[in-house]
């Protein structure tokens, strides 16, 4: 084989690999981060599974999240309207639901006319916090779970809560106090969790957290959407972030905010089969008798989650429409000739058009 022919075959192989890579759609991981003073941390991507039982008014809140933080060791706070039960949940439930809602791949003939188609200090993480709480703050539960050191708190004032946090190395900024005030005034419980970066990844600003389940009573399903506005967060929030919900209940549900329009949209909605429900229950590790409705309807919602101070938390209600929702299919164009065999003419034409630029780039590489 001549050198020119070998280069052409290598170019076509590279183009084919590039086309295969471009066809792969990557999967799109609230609370109040509480880092040490002067070391901002913000919520990054989050994927949340919410199981809502309307009969018992019970919500199971399972989160897989990541944070952007400058400190190696920081905590975060999760508000709930009632004292939650804390437990570890299976990470494998997230890719399972991702598989259920992935778009259909359809093979269709390529257009006959040709052309181009496109698709859119000392770490405190292991320390048990046994110091007596200050006045007006009560420790309801303290446990190690899912890689966190968790403390469930009940406070009579936001100031007392911030004082408790301050003594234990959490953030005690005015922004955190302002964030906590409506929850404390409403009698909500605050779960404080401490997260530490892995020693090998302390230079990375993004921190992944393990899956944690909080189960609690509530009049309506909700997600704590409000966030504080800490100083120095702008540098950590230049990149976009995505908030994804897998909402499981008896029907299709929508999300809404009080005093503002929610930016989330429904990406997928439909009933699960009995086999899918049984598999999901096993992966979520829900306790016996806490499975919720006998039949599950899955609603997947995606939100670009703009980083700003929001007027309320996110609540969910049964949708006015129960129509099925599916992602647009991925079209895989297949060219065939009159005999039904694959026609590589279009690929060859693309290769010839791109060959000069590719050869120039290869020629500029230093010889080894």
Foldseek 3Di string as FASTA:
>chain_A
DDPVVVLLVVLLVVVVVVVVVVLDDDDAADWEWWAFPPKDKDWFAKEWEWEAFLVQQKIKIKIWTKMFILFQKTKIKFWDQFAWDKAAFFPVLVVLVVVVFPFAEDEDADDPVDDDDDDDVDHCFPPFPPDDQDPQKDFPDWDQHQSKTKTKIQGQALQSVLVRCVVVRTHNDPQSSVLCGVRNVSRIIMMMIMDGADPVCSVGRMGIGHMMIIMDHDNFDFGALFYTDDPPCVVVPPDWHKYKYWYKADADKDKADPPDGAQKDWAWKFWDDQVSLVVSCVRGVDDPPPSHDSTIIITMMMGSSDPDGGPGTMTMDHDPDRDTHGHHHHYDHFHADPVRHGDCPSSSVVSVVCVVVVVVVVVPDDDD
